[in-house]
Amino acid sequence: MIKLAKNNYPRVKIWLKLGPYADLDEVIETAVKAGVDCITIDGSEGGTGMSPLVAMRELGYPTIVCLKKIYEAKKKGLKTTMLIAGRLFDGGHLVKSMC
């Protein structure tokens, strides 16, 4: 769908919203190779509208782990803008995210 949209509407910027999936790194790589312009990721604490409240509490990666997935994608040389949402609620989380 990303390739189709890029082909049919070349001036449109495509943003992809992802949740804290177990195969997040593979989804990021596939989306970047397809030409997505920006990826937003909601950590499990991010309050994503993609799933019910029970799923947010019980499933998915925390925000810190999603940050690690972004770091690994950048390390692989995948170039796109990536944004993250979620709960960074204490100094330890802030320091980890900056590292």
N, C-alpha and C. Protein backbone atom coordinates (compact mmCIF):
# COMPACT_ATOMS: atom_id res chain seq x y z
N MET A 1 0.83 -1.20 0.00
CA MET A 1 0.00 0.00 0.00
C MET A 1 0.87 1.26 0.00
N ILE A 2 2.00 1.20 0.70
CA ILE A 2 2.89 2.37 0.74
C ILE A 2 3.43 2.66 -0.66
N LYS A 3 3.90 1.61 -1.35
CA LYS A 3 4.43 1.80 -2.70
C LYS A 3 3.36 2.30 -3.65
N LEU A 4 2.15 1.77 -3.53
CA LEU A 4 1.05 2.20 -4.38
C LEU A 4 0.73 3.68 -4.14
N ALA A 5 0.67 4.08 -2.89
CA ALA A 5 0.38 5.47 -2.56
C ALA A 5 1.49 6.39 -3.07
N LYS A 6 2.75 5.98 -2.91
CA LYS A 6 3.88 6.79 -3.38
C LYS A 6 3.85 6.92 -4.90
N ASN A 7 3.45 5.86 -5.58
CA ASN A 7 3.38 5.88 -7.03
C ASN A 7 2.23 6.77 -7.52
N ASN A 8 1.07 6.62 -6.92
CA ASN A 8 -0.12 7.35 -7.39
C ASN A 8 -0.16 8.80 -6.92
N TYR A 9 0.44 9.08 -5.78
CA TYR A 9 0.42 10.44 -5.21
C TYR A 9 1.84 10.81 -4.78
N PRO A 10 2.73 11.10 -5.71
CA PRO A 10 4.15 11.29 -5.39
C PRO A 10 4.44 12.48 -4.46
N ARG A 11 3.58 13.48 -4.41
CA ARG A 11 3.84 14.63 -3.54
C ARG A 11 3.34 14.44 -2.11
N VAL A 12 2.57 13.40 -1.88
CA VAL A 12 2.00 13.15 -0.56
C VAL A 12 3.05 12.53 0.35
N LYS A 13 3.12 13.01 1.58
CA LYS A 13 4.01 12.43 2.59
C LYS A 13 3.23 11.34 3.33
N ILE A 14 3.84 10.19 3.46
CA ILE A 14 3.16 9.05 4.08
C ILE A 14 3.73 8.81 5.46
N TRP A 15 2.86 8.88 6.46
CA TRP A 15 3.21 8.59 7.85
C TRP A 15 2.58 7.27 8.22
N LEU A 16 3.32 6.46 8.93
CA LEU A 16 2.83 5.15 9.36
C LEU A 16 2.81 5.10 10.88
N LYS A 17 1.66 4.79 11.44
CA LYS A 17 1.52 4.68 12.90
C LYS A 17 1.63 3.21 13.29
N LEU A 18 2.55 2.92 14.18
CA LEU A 18 2.78 1.54 14.63
C LEU A 18 2.54 1.43 16.12
N GLY A 19 2.20 0.25 16.53
CA GLY A 19 2.10 -0.07 17.94
C GLY A 19 3.35 -0.79 18.40
N PRO A 20 3.39 -1.23 19.62
CA PRO A 20 4.58 -1.89 20.17
C PRO A 20 4.62 -3.38 19.84
N TYR A 21 4.65 -3.71 18.56
CA TYR A 21 4.58 -5.09 18.10
C TYR A 21 5.85 -5.87 18.45
N ALA A 22 5.69 -7.18 18.53
CA ALA A 22 6.84 -8.06 18.78
C ALA A 22 7.82 -8.04 17.61
N ASP A 23 7.33 -7.85 16.40
CA ASP A 23 8.20 -7.81 15.23
C ASP A 23 8.38 -6.38 14.72
N LEU A 24 8.45 -5.43 15.64
CA LEU A 24 8.54 -4.01 15.31
C LEU A 24 9.72 -3.71 14.40
N ASP A 25 10.87 -4.32 14.67
CA ASP A 25 12.05 -4.03 13.86
C ASP A 25 11.85 -4.44 12.40
N GLU A 26 11.18 -5.55 12.17
CA GLU A 26 10.92 -6.00 10.80
C GLU A 26 9.91 -5.09 10.10
N VAL A 27 8.92 -4.63 10.84
CA VAL A 27 7.91 -3.72 10.27
C VAL A 27 8.56 -2.39 9.89
N ILE A 28 9.43 -1.88 10.75
CA ILE A 28 10.14 -0.63 10.46
C ILE A 28 10.97 -0.79 9.18
N GLU A 29 11.73 -1.87 9.10
CA GLU A 29 12.59 -2.08 7.93
C GLU A 29 11.78 -2.19 6.64
N THR A 30 10.69 -2.92 6.68
CA THR A 30 9.83 -3.08 5.51
C THR A 30 9.23 -1.74 5.09
N ALA A 31 8.75 -0.97 6.06
CA ALA A 31 8.13 0.32 5.76
C ALA A 31 9.14 1.31 5.17
N VAL A 32 10.34 1.35 5.73
CA VAL A 32 11.36 2.27 5.22
C VAL A 32 11.75 1.88 3.79
N LYS A 33 11.92 0.60 3.54
CA LYS A 33 12.27 0.15 2.19
C LYS A 33 11.15 0.43 1.19
N ALA A 34 9.90 0.47 1.66
CA ALA A 34 8.76 0.78 0.79
C ALA A 34 8.65 2.28 0.51
N GLY A 35 9.34 3.11 1.32
CA GLY A 35 9.36 4.53 1.05
C GLY A 35 8.55 5.40 1.98
N VAL A 36 8.22 4.91 3.15
CA VAL A 36 7.46 5.72 4.10
C VAL A 36 8.28 6.94 4.52
N ASP A 37 7.61 8.07 4.75
CA ASP A 37 8.30 9.31 5.09
C ASP A 37 8.52 9.48 6.59
N CYS A 38 7.63 8.94 7.39
CA CYS A 38 7.73 9.07 8.84
C CYS A 38 7.03 7.89 9.50
N ILE A 39 7.59 7.45 10.61
CA ILE A 39 7.00 6.38 11.39
C ILE A 39 6.77 6.89 12.80
N THR A 40 5.56 6.71 13.31
CA THR A 40 5.29 7.02 14.71
C THR A 40 5.03 5.70 15.43
N ILE A 41 5.60 5.59 16.61
CA ILE A 41 5.46 4.36 17.40
C ILE A 41 4.91 4.73 18.76
N ASP A 42 3.86 4.04 19.17
CA ASP A 42 3.30 4.21 20.50
C ASP A 42 3.78 3.06 21.36
N GLY A 43 4.58 3.37 22.38
CA GLY A 43 4.95 2.34 23.33
C GLY A 43 3.71 1.87 24.06
N SER A 44 3.78 0.77 24.75
CA SER A 44 2.57 0.22 25.37
C SER A 44 1.96 1.17 26.38
N GLU A 45 2.77 2.09 26.90
CA GLU A 45 2.22 3.09 27.83
C GLU A 45 1.69 4.31 27.10
N GLY A 46 1.81 4.34 25.77
CA GLY A 46 1.48 5.53 25.00
C GLY A 46 0.00 5.82 24.85
N GLY A 47 -0.85 4.88 25.20
CA GLY A 47 -2.27 5.12 25.09
C GLY A 47 -2.75 5.13 23.65
N THR A 48 -2.22 4.24 22.85
CA THR A 48 -2.58 4.20 21.44
C THR A 48 -4.05 3.86 21.25
N GLY A 49 -4.65 4.43 20.24
CA GLY A 49 -6.03 4.12 19.91
C GLY A 49 -6.14 2.87 19.06
N MET A 50 -5.01 2.21 18.82
CA MET A 50 -5.00 1.04 17.94
C MET A 50 -5.56 -0.21 18.61
N SER A 51 -5.66 -0.21 19.91
CA SER A 51 -6.11 -1.43 20.59
C SER A 51 -6.86 -1.07 21.87
N PRO A 52 -7.63 -2.01 22.39
CA PRO A 52 -8.37 -1.74 23.63
C PRO A 52 -7.44 -1.57 24.83
N LEU A 53 -7.99 -1.03 25.88
CA LEU A 53 -7.24 -0.74 27.09
C LEU A 53 -6.57 -1.99 27.66
N VAL A 54 -7.24 -3.12 27.63
CA VAL A 54 -6.67 -4.36 28.17
C VAL A 54 -5.41 -4.73 27.39
N ALA A 55 -5.45 -4.61 26.07
CA ALA A 55 -4.28 -4.94 25.26
C ALA A 55 -3.12 -4.00 25.57
N MET A 56 -3.41 -2.71 25.80
CA MET A 56 -2.33 -1.77 26.12
C MET A 56 -1.66 -2.14 27.43
N ARG A 57 -2.43 -2.63 28.39
CA ARG A 57 -1.85 -2.98 29.69
C ARG A 57 -1.05 -4.27 29.63
N GLU A 58 -1.50 -5.20 28.82
CA GLU A 58 -0.95 -6.56 28.88
C GLU A 58 -0.02 -6.93 27.73
N LEU A 59 -0.06 -6.22 26.63
CA LEU A 59 0.70 -6.62 25.45
C LEU A 59 1.67 -5.54 25.02
N GLY A 60 2.66 -5.94 24.24
CA GLY A 60 3.54 -4.98 23.58
C GLY A 60 4.74 -4.58 24.41
N TYR A 61 5.63 -3.89 23.73
CA TYR A 61 6.86 -3.42 24.35
C TYR A 61 6.63 -2.12 25.10
N PRO A 62 7.36 -1.91 26.19
CA PRO A 62 7.33 -0.58 26.81
C PRO A 62 8.06 0.43 25.91
N THR A 63 7.87 1.69 26.19
CA THR A 63 8.45 2.76 25.38
C THR A 63 9.97 2.64 25.27
N ILE A 64 10.63 2.30 26.36
CA ILE A 64 12.09 2.20 26.35
C ILE A 64 12.55 1.14 25.35
N VAL A 65 11.87 0.02 25.27
CA VAL A 65 12.24 -1.03 24.31
C VAL A 65 11.98 -0.55 22.88
N CYS A 66 10.90 0.20 22.67
CA CYS A 66 10.64 0.76 21.34
C CYS A 66 11.75 1.73 20.93
N LEU A 67 12.27 2.49 21.88
CA LEU A 67 13.40 3.37 21.59
C LEU A 67 14.61 2.57 21.13
N LYS A 68 14.83 1.44 21.75
CA LYS A 68 15.95 0.56 21.35
C LYS A 68 15.74 0.06 19.93
N LYS A 69 14.51 -0.25 19.56
CA LYS A 69 14.22 -0.70 18.20
C LYS A 69 14.50 0.42 17.18
N ILE A 70 14.18 1.66 17.54
CA ILE A 70 14.49 2.80 16.68
C ILE A 70 16.00 2.94 16.53
N TYR A 71 16.72 2.83 17.64
CA TYR A 71 18.18 2.93 17.62
C TYR A 71 18.77 1.86 16.70
N GLU A 72 18.28 0.63 16.82
CA GLU A 72 18.79 -0.47 15.99
C GLU A 72 18.49 -0.23 14.51
N ALA A 73 17.33 0.34 14.21
CA ALA A 73 16.98 0.65 12.82
C ALA A 73 17.92 1.71 12.26
N LYS A 74 18.21 2.74 13.04
CA LYS A 74 19.13 3.79 12.61
C LYS A 74 20.54 3.22 12.43
N LYS A 75 20.91 2.31 13.30
CA LYS A 75 22.22 1.68 13.22
C LYS A 75 22.36 0.84 11.94
N LYS A 76 21.25 0.26 11.48
CA LYS A 76 21.25 -0.51 10.23
C LYS A 76 21.34 0.39 9.01
N GLY A 77 21.18 1.69 9.22
CA GLY A 77 21.22 2.62 8.10
C GLY A 77 19.87 2.96 7.50
N LEU A 78 18.79 2.60 8.19
CA LEU A 78 17.45 2.93 7.71
C LEU A 78 17.18 4.41 7.96
N LYS A 79 16.94 5.13 6.90
CA LYS A 79 16.81 6.58 7.02
C LYS A 79 15.36 7.02 6.81
N THR A 80 14.73 7.39 7.87
CA THR A 80 13.42 8.03 7.85
C THR A 80 13.21 8.69 9.21
N THR A 81 12.26 9.57 9.30
CA THR A 81 11.94 10.20 10.58
C THR A 81 11.14 9.21 11.41
N MET A 82 11.53 9.06 12.68
CA MET A 82 10.80 8.17 13.59
C MET A 82 10.49 8.94 14.87
N LEU A 83 9.22 8.90 15.26
CA LEU A 83 8.75 9.56 16.47
C LEU A 83 8.22 8.50 17.42
N ILE A 84 8.30 8.79 18.70
CA ILE A 84 7.80 7.82 19.68
C ILE A 84 6.94 8.53 20.70
N ALA A 85 5.92 7.84 21.16
CA ALA A 85 5.04 8.36 22.21
C ALA A 85 4.96 7.31 23.31
N GLY A 86 4.84 7.75 24.50
CA GLY A 86 4.73 6.82 25.61
C GLY A 86 5.16 7.48 26.90
N ARG A 87 5.23 6.69 27.89
CA ARG A 87 5.44 7.20 29.23
C ARG A 87 6.93 7.21 29.58
N LEU A 88 7.52 8.36 29.60
CA LEU A 88 8.87 8.56 30.13
C LEU A 88 8.66 9.38 31.40
N PHE A 89 8.51 8.70 32.52
CA PHE A 89 7.99 9.38 33.70
C PHE A 89 9.02 9.64 34.79
N ASP A 90 10.24 9.18 34.63
CA ASP A 90 11.23 9.51 35.66
C ASP A 90 12.59 9.78 35.01
N GLY A 91 13.52 10.24 35.80
CA GLY A 91 14.84 10.58 35.31
C GLY A 91 15.55 9.43 34.64
N GLY A 92 15.35 8.21 35.16
CA GLY A 92 16.00 7.03 34.59
C GLY A 92 15.54 6.79 33.16
N HIS A 93 14.26 6.92 32.91
CA HIS A 93 13.75 6.75 31.55
C HIS A 93 14.27 7.83 30.61
N LEU A 94 14.36 9.06 31.12
CA LEU A 94 14.88 10.14 30.30
C LEU A 94 16.33 9.91 29.93
N VAL A 95 17.13 9.48 30.90
CA VAL A 95 18.55 9.20 30.63
C VAL A 95 18.68 8.06 29.63
N LYS A 96 17.90 6.99 29.80
CA LYS A 96 17.94 5.85 28.87
C LYS A 96 17.56 6.30 27.46
N SER A 97 16.55 7.16 27.35
CA SER A 97 16.12 7.58 26.02
C SER A 97 17.18 8.46 25.35
N MET A 98 17.91 9.24 26.13
CA MET A 98 18.97 10.08 25.57
C MET A 98 20.18 9.25 25.16
N CYS A 99 20.40 8.14 25.84
CA CYS A 99 21.53 7.27 25.48
C CYS A 99 21.24 6.56 24.20
